[in-house]
Amino acid sequence: MAEAATARRSRITPEREAELYGAVLDLLREVGYDALTMDAVAARTRSSKATLYRQWGGKPELVVKAMRHMKPGSTADIDTGSLRGDMHAVVLRQDDCDMEQNSALMRGVSVAIHANPDLLRAFRELLIEPEMEDIRQVVQRGVARGEVRPDNPAIDYVLHMMIGGFAARTMIDDQPPTQEFLRSYIDAVILPALSA
């Protein structure tokens, strides 16, 4: 079964996949998650709806994989030699314009997540869990270097803190998250929690 899925998946080139994901994100920005339909994606991308379902299974998986695709690669391989340097490098992987667009997408999808268990499942499996694992590896390198105590309870909440700073910037300050803001947030909140 997995071999058949791989064979089907290989028919779409990486360029075509990126084009499809871009169209999905554009539609998501235009109409929101609830109004986004597979028919609209098929029309926008000149694809068949059957191909979309065969390739991605459904709207939740397609949307979350498109969101995952827009994120720069894994942060697990970042190793500047210090936890502060690593955390700052994570932030610097996206420019301010990308962060603003991603923030708007996350706000739109976060509302839909609460009403759609399939979207929540896909979001956790395809976006949150890989991000948590990547951040965990960055922090574990800090533990191995002696920068973080291995029993520090804040270790389990680093991604929570990162997402909190990212989301709260818009809600509290009515401004998009920026590299400068997130670097100062890391220095003022996350690193002190991890060095306690």
C-alpha atoms as a PDB file:
ATOM      1  CA  MET A   1       0.000   0.000   0.000  1.00  0.00           C
ATOM      2  CA  ALA A   2       2.798   2.430   0.906  1.00  0.00           C
ATOM      3  CA  GLU A   3       4.575   1.586  -2.380  1.00  0.00           C
ATOM      4  CA  ALA A   4       1.422   2.429  -4.344  1.00  0.00           C
ATOM      5  CA  ALA A   5       1.093   5.765  -2.529  1.00  0.00           C
ATOM      6  CA  THR A   6       4.747   6.524  -3.258  1.00  0.00           C
ATOM      7  CA  ALA A   7       4.281   5.681  -6.935  1.00  0.00           C
ATOM      8  CA  ARG A   8       1.278   7.986  -7.160  1.00  0.00           C
ATOM      9  CA  ARG A   9       3.071  10.735  -5.281  1.00  0.00           C
ATOM     10  CA  SER A  10       6.092  10.589  -7.580  1.00  0.00           C
ATOM     11  CA  ARG A  11       3.989  11.762 -10.545  1.00  0.00           C
ATOM     12  CA  ILE A  12       3.900  15.284  -9.151  1.00  0.00           C
ATOM     13  CA  THR A  13       7.193  17.072  -9.552  1.00  0.00           C
ATOM     14  CA  PRO A  14       8.568  19.148  -6.684  1.00  0.00           C
ATOM     15  CA  GLU A  15       7.949  22.271  -8.770  1.00  0.00           C
ATOM     16  CA  ARG A  16       4.308  21.320  -9.363  1.00  0.00           C
ATOM     17  CA  GLU A  17       3.873  20.469  -5.685  1.00  0.00           C
ATOM     18  CA  ALA A  18       5.259  23.891  -4.694  1.00  0.00           C
ATOM     19  CA  GLU A  19       2.905  25.539  -7.197  1.00  0.00           C
ATOM     20  CA  LEU A  20      -0.071  23.672  -5.716  1.00  0.00           C
ATOM     21  CA  TYR A  21       0.926  24.601  -2.168  1.00  0.00           C
ATOM     22  CA  GLY A  22       1.306  28.238  -3.160  1.00  0.00           C
ATOM     23  CA  ALA A  23      -2.181  28.232  -4.666  1.00  0.00           C
ATOM     24  CA  VAL A  24      -3.625  26.637  -1.529  1.00  0.00           C
ATOM     25  CA  LEU A  25      -2.025  29.307   0.659  1.00  0.00           C
ATOM     26  CA  ASP A  26      -3.253  32.070  -1.637  1.00  0.00           C
ATOM     27  CA  LEU A  27      -6.795  30.707  -1.427  1.00  0.00           C
ATOM     28  CA  LEU A  28      -6.484  30.333   2.329  1.00  0.00           C
ATOM     29  CA  ARG A  29      -5.500  34.001   2.634  1.00  0.00           C
ATOM     30  CA  GLU A  30      -8.325  35.051   0.313  1.00  0.00           C
ATOM     31  CA  VAL A  31     -11.256  33.075   1.714  1.00  0.00           C
ATOM     32  CA  GLY A  32     -10.164  31.421   4.967  1.00  0.00           C
ATOM     33  CA  TYR A  33     -10.134  27.748   5.833  1.00  0.00           C
ATOM     34  CA  ASP A  34     -13.873  27.135   6.063  1.00  0.00           C
ATOM     35  CA  ALA A  35     -14.627  28.626   2.632  1.00  0.00           C
ATOM     36  CA  LEU A  36     -11.649  26.962   0.943  1.00  0.00           C
ATOM     37  CA  THR A  37     -12.846  23.994  -1.107  1.00  0.00           C
ATOM     38  CA  MET A  38     -11.101  21.246  -2.999  1.00  0.00           C
ATOM     39  CA  ASP A  39     -13.106  22.386  -6.047  1.00  0.00           C
ATOM     40  CA  ALA A  40     -11.556  25.849  -5.748  1.00  0.00           C
ATOM     41  CA  VAL A  41      -8.063  24.381  -5.359  1.00  0.00           C
ATOM     42  CA  ALA A  42      -8.623  22.148  -8.387  1.00  0.00           C
ATOM     43  CA  ALA A  43      -9.822  25.099 -10.463  1.00  0.00           C
ATOM     44  CA  ARG A  44      -7.008  27.410  -9.343  1.00  0.00           C
ATOM     45  CA  THR A  45      -4.324  24.800 -10.000  1.00  0.00           C
ATOM     46  CA  ARG A  46      -5.898  23.221 -13.091  1.00  0.00           C
ATOM     47  CA  SER A  47      -5.889  19.858 -11.332  1.00  0.00           C
ATOM     48  CA  SER A  48      -8.541  17.237 -10.966  1.00  0.00           C
ATOM     49  CA  LYS A  49     -10.218  16.979  -7.599  1.00  0.00           C
ATOM     50  CA  ALA A  50      -9.579  13.220  -7.714  1.00  0.00           C
ATOM     51  CA  THR A  51      -5.841  13.866  -8.012  1.00  0.00           C
ATOM     52  CA  LEU A  52      -5.920  16.199  -5.019  1.00  0.00           C
ATOM     53  CA  TYR A  53      -7.753  13.656  -2.872  1.00  0.00           C
ATOM     54  CA  ARG A  54      -5.535  10.790  -4.050  1.00  0.00           C
ATOM     55  CA  GLN A  55      -2.383  12.810  -3.343  1.00  0.00           C
ATOM     56  CA  TRP A  56      -3.323  14.468  -0.035  1.00  0.00           C
ATOM     57  CA  GLY A  57      -6.352  12.613   1.282  1.00  0.00           C
ATOM     58  CA  GLY A  58      -8.410  15.703   2.049  1.00  0.00           C
ATOM     59  CA  LYS A  59      -8.505  19.409   2.737  1.00  0.00           C
ATOM     60  CA  PRO A  60      -6.972  19.294   6.251  1.00  0.00           C
ATOM     61  CA  GLU A  61      -3.870  17.415   5.086  1.00  0.00           C
ATOM     62  CA  LEU A  62      -3.494  19.556   1.964  1.00  0.00           C
ATOM     63  CA  VAL A  63      -3.731  22.815   3.915  1.00  0.00           C
ATOM     64  CA  VAL A  64      -1.335  21.742   6.671  1.00  0.00           C
ATOM     65  CA  LYS A  65       1.188  20.303   4.216  1.00  0.00           C
ATOM     66  CA  ALA A  66       1.029  23.572   2.282  1.00  0.00           C
ATOM     67  CA  MET A  67       1.696  25.471   5.520  1.00  0.00           C
ATOM     68  CA  ARG A  68       4.549  23.111   6.376  1.00  0.00           C
ATOM     69  CA  HIS A  69       6.009  23.558   2.894  1.00  0.00           C
ATOM     70  CA  MET A  70       6.209  27.342   3.329  1.00  0.00           C
ATOM     71  CA  LYS A  71       8.355  26.938   6.429  1.00  0.00           C
ATOM     72  CA  PRO A  72      12.096  26.906   5.863  1.00  0.00           C
ATOM     73  CA  GLY A  73      13.641  23.426   6.380  1.00  0.00           C
ATOM     74  CA  SER A  74      14.259  21.741   9.673  1.00  0.00           C
ATOM     75  CA  THR A  75      15.750  23.708  12.543  1.00  0.00           C
ATOM     76  CA  ALA A  76      17.270  20.539  13.974  1.00  0.00           C
ATOM     77  CA  ASP A  77      20.494  21.023  12.003  1.00  0.00           C
ATOM     78  CA  ILE A  78      21.119  24.533  13.340  1.00  0.00           C
ATOM     79  CA  ASP A  79      24.224  24.495  15.540  1.00  0.00           C
ATOM     80  CA  THR A  80      25.983  27.825  16.059  1.00  0.00           C
ATOM     81  CA  GLY A  81      27.779  26.649  19.187  1.00  0.00           C
ATOM     82  CA  SER A  82      25.458  28.363  21.677  1.00  0.00           C
ATOM     83  CA  LEU A  83      21.793  28.065  22.584  1.00  0.00           C
ATOM     84  CA  ARG A  84      21.303  31.807  22.107  1.00  0.00           C
ATOM     85  CA  GLY A  85      22.890  31.655  18.674  1.00  0.00           C
ATOM     86  CA  ASP A  86      20.786  28.635  17.746  1.00  0.00           C
ATOM     87  CA  MET A  87      17.536  30.247  18.891  1.00  0.00           C
ATOM     88  CA  HIS A  88      18.348  33.460  17.019  1.00  0.00           C
ATOM     89  CA  ALA A  89      19.227  31.412  13.909  1.00  0.00           C
ATOM     90  CA  VAL A  90      15.782  29.767  14.092  1.00  0.00           C
ATOM     91  CA  VAL A  91      14.169  33.220  13.976  1.00  0.00           C
ATOM     92  CA  LEU A  92      16.406  34.463  11.159  1.00  0.00           C
ATOM     93  CA  ARG A  93      15.252  31.692   8.808  1.00  0.00           C
ATOM     94  CA  GLN A  94      12.167  33.785   7.912  1.00  0.00           C
ATOM     95  CA  ASP A  95      12.203  37.445   7.007  1.00  0.00           C
ATOM     96  CA  ASP A  96       9.718  39.926   8.474  1.00  0.00           C
ATOM     97  CA  CYS A  97       7.446  39.792   5.411  1.00  0.00           C
ATOM     98  CA  ASP A  98       7.193  35.987   5.604  1.00  0.00           C
ATOM     99  CA  MET A  99       6.475  36.177   9.338  1.00  0.00           C
ATOM    100  CA  GLU A 100       3.673  38.663   8.792  1.00  0.00           C
ATOM    101  CA  GLN A 101       2.073  36.452   6.137  1.00  0.00           C
ATOM    102  CA  ASN A 102       2.519  33.329   8.275  1.00  0.00           C
ATOM    103  CA  SER A 103       1.012  35.093  11.271  1.00  0.00           C
ATOM    104  CA  ALA A 104      -2.105  35.948   9.267  1.00  0.00           C
ATOM    105  CA  LEU A 105      -2.403  32.357   8.054  1.00  0.00           C
ATOM    106  CA  MET A 106      -1.979  30.967  11.564  1.00  0.00           C
ATOM    107  CA  ARG A 107      -4.690  33.257  12.930  1.00  0.00           C
ATOM    108  CA  GLY A 108      -7.089  32.150  10.224  1.00  0.00           C
ATOM    109  CA  VAL A 109      -6.384  28.467  10.672  1.00  0.00           C
ATOM    110  CA  SER A 110      -6.361  28.598  14.487  1.00  0.00           C
ATOM    111  CA  VAL A 111     -10.048  29.525  14.521  1.00  0.00           C
ATOM    112  CA  ALA A 112     -10.908  26.622  12.206  1.00  0.00           C
ATOM    113  CA  ILE A 113      -8.846  24.150  14.251  1.00  0.00           C
ATOM    114  CA  HIS A 114     -11.235  24.426  17.191  1.00  0.00           C
ATOM    115  CA  ALA A 115     -14.220  23.394  15.081  1.00  0.00           C
ATOM    116  CA  ASN A 116     -12.554  20.746  12.928  1.00  0.00           C
ATOM    117  CA  PRO A 117     -11.033  17.658  14.591  1.00  0.00           C
ATOM    118  CA  ASP A 118      -9.497  16.451  11.305  1.00  0.00           C
ATOM    119  CA  LEU A 119      -7.703  19.755  10.840  1.00  0.00           C
ATOM    120  CA  LEU A 120      -6.512  19.676  14.449  1.00  0.00           C
ATOM    121  CA  ARG A 121      -5.160  16.139  13.989  1.00  0.00           C
ATOM    122  CA  ALA A 122      -3.389  17.057  10.741  1.00  0.00           C
ATOM    123  CA  PHE A 123      -2.029  20.268  12.282  1.00  0.00           C
ATOM    124  CA  ARG A 124      -0.595  18.381  15.255  1.00  0.00           C
ATOM    125  CA  GLU A 125       0.829  15.486  13.242  1.00  0.00           C
ATOM    126  CA  LEU A 126       2.220  17.385  10.283  1.00  0.00           C
ATOM    127  CA  LEU A 127       3.222  20.750  11.743  1.00  0.00           C
ATOM    128  CA  ILE A 128       3.359  20.893  15.551  1.00  0.00           C
ATOM    129  CA  GLU A 129       5.008  17.531  16.282  1.00  0.00           C
ATOM    130  CA  PRO A 130       7.843  18.005  13.756  1.00  0.00           C
ATOM    131  CA  GLU A 131       8.413  21.547  15.069  1.00  0.00           C
ATOM    132  CA  MET A 132       8.478  20.259  18.648  1.00  0.00           C
ATOM    133  CA  GLU A 133      11.042  17.616  17.710  1.00  0.00           C
ATOM    134  CA  ASP A 134      13.235  20.168  15.935  1.00  0.00           C
ATOM    135  CA  ILE A 135      13.145  22.582  18.886  1.00  0.00           C
ATOM    136  CA  ARG A 136      13.758  19.704  21.280  1.00  0.00           C
ATOM    137  CA  GLN A 137      16.967  18.863  19.401  1.00  0.00           C
ATOM    138  CA  VAL A 138      18.141  22.482  19.516  1.00  0.00           C
ATOM    139  CA  VAL A 139      17.521  22.605  23.279  1.00  0.00           C
ATOM    140  CA  GLN A 140      19.145  19.209  23.831  1.00  0.00           C
ATOM    141  CA  ARG A 141      22.319  20.529  22.248  1.00  0.00           C
ATOM    142  CA  GLY A 142      22.150  23.335  24.821  1.00  0.00           C
ATOM    143  CA  VAL A 143      21.821  20.677  27.529  1.00  0.00           C
ATOM    144  CA  ALA A 144      24.799  18.756  26.115  1.00  0.00           C
ATOM    145  CA  ARG A 145      26.892  21.967  26.125  1.00  0.00           C
ATOM    146  CA  GLY A 146      25.943  22.612  29.769  1.00  0.00           C
ATOM    147  CA  GLU A 147      23.874  25.719  28.988  1.00  0.00           C
ATOM    148  CA  VAL A 148      20.611  24.175  30.231  1.00  0.00           C
ATOM    149  CA  ARG A 149      20.055  21.892  33.204  1.00  0.00           C
ATOM    150  CA  PRO A 150      18.654  18.563  31.976  1.00  0.00           C
ATOM    151  CA  ASP A 151      15.890  18.707  34.624  1.00  0.00           C
ATOM    152  CA  ASN A 152      14.813  22.286  33.821  1.00  0.00           C
ATOM    153  CA  PRO A 153      10.993  22.186  33.561  1.00  0.00           C
ATOM    154  CA  ALA A 154      11.005  24.983  30.952  1.00  0.00           C
ATOM    155  CA  ILE A 155      12.468  22.560  28.373  1.00  0.00           C
ATOM    156  CA  ASP A 156       9.000  21.128  27.734  1.00  0.00           C
ATOM    157  CA  TYR A 157       7.546  24.578  27.014  1.00  0.00           C
ATOM    158  CA  VAL A 158       9.995  26.156  24.572  1.00  0.00           C
ATOM    159  CA  LEU A 159       7.725  25.753  21.548  1.00  0.00           C
ATOM    160  CA  HIS A 160       4.797  27.026  23.617  1.00  0.00           C
ATOM    161  CA  MET A 161       6.823  30.114  24.470  1.00  0.00           C
ATOM    162  CA  MET A 162       7.892  30.636  20.849  1.00  0.00           C
ATOM    163  CA  ILE A 163       4.332  30.340  19.551  1.00  0.00           C
ATOM    164  CA  GLY A 164       3.108  32.566  22.377  1.00  0.00           C
ATOM    165  CA  GLY A 165       5.530  35.341  21.478  1.00  0.00           C
ATOM    166  CA  PHE A 166       4.698  34.997  17.792  1.00  0.00           C
ATOM    167  CA  ALA A 167       0.919  35.089  18.333  1.00  0.00           C
ATOM    168  CA  ALA A 168       0.815  37.640  21.139  1.00  0.00           C
ATOM    169  CA  ARG A 169       2.707  40.263  19.137  1.00  0.00           C
ATOM    170  CA  THR A 170      -0.342  40.832  16.941  1.00  0.00           C
ATOM    171  CA  MET A 171      -2.953  40.491  19.689  1.00  0.00           C
ATOM    172  CA  ILE A 172      -1.263  42.676  22.279  1.00  0.00           C
ATOM    173  CA  ASP A 173       0.804  45.142  20.249  1.00  0.00           C
ATOM    174  CA  ASP A 174      -1.299  45.173  17.071  1.00  0.00           C
ATOM    175  CA  GLN A 175       1.918  44.643  15.108  1.00  0.00           C
ATOM    176  CA  PRO A 176       3.205  41.662  13.158  1.00  0.00           C
ATOM    177  CA  PRO A 177       5.993  39.555  14.624  1.00  0.00           C
ATOM    178  CA  THR A 178       9.444  40.571  13.406  1.00  0.00           C
ATOM    179  CA  GLN A 179      12.922  39.130  13.675  1.00  0.00           C
ATOM    180  CA  GLU A 180      13.927  41.952  16.018  1.00  0.00           C
ATOM    181  CA  PHE A 181      10.936  41.392  18.306  1.00  0.00           C
ATOM    182  CA  LEU A 182      11.388  37.617  18.442  1.00  0.00           C
ATOM    183  CA  ARG A 183      15.131  37.857  19.116  1.00  0.00           C
ATOM    184  CA  SER A 184      14.480  40.242  22.011  1.00  0.00           C
ATOM    185  CA  TYR A 185      11.685  37.937  23.242  1.00  0.00           C
ATOM    186  CA  ILE A 186      14.073  34.986  23.176  1.00  0.00           C
ATOM    187  CA  ASP A 187      16.662  36.958  25.154  1.00  0.00           C
ATOM    188  CA  ALA A 188      14.158  38.313  27.688  1.00  0.00           C
ATOM    189  CA  VAL A 189      11.861  35.308  28.175  1.00  0.00           C
ATOM    190  CA  ILE A 190      12.995  31.983  26.741  1.00  0.00           C
ATOM    191  CA  LEU A 191      16.709  32.008  27.575  1.00  0.00           C
ATOM    192  CA  PRO A 192      16.179  33.155  31.189  1.00  0.00           C
ATOM    193  CA  ALA A 193      13.589  30.394  31.637  1.00  0.00           C
ATOM    194  CA  LEU A 194      16.026  27.830  30.278  1.00  0.00           C
ATOM    195  CA  SER A 195      18.967  29.063  32.348  1.00  0.00           C
ATOM    196  CA  ALA A 196      17.010  29.089  35.623  1.00  0.00           C
END
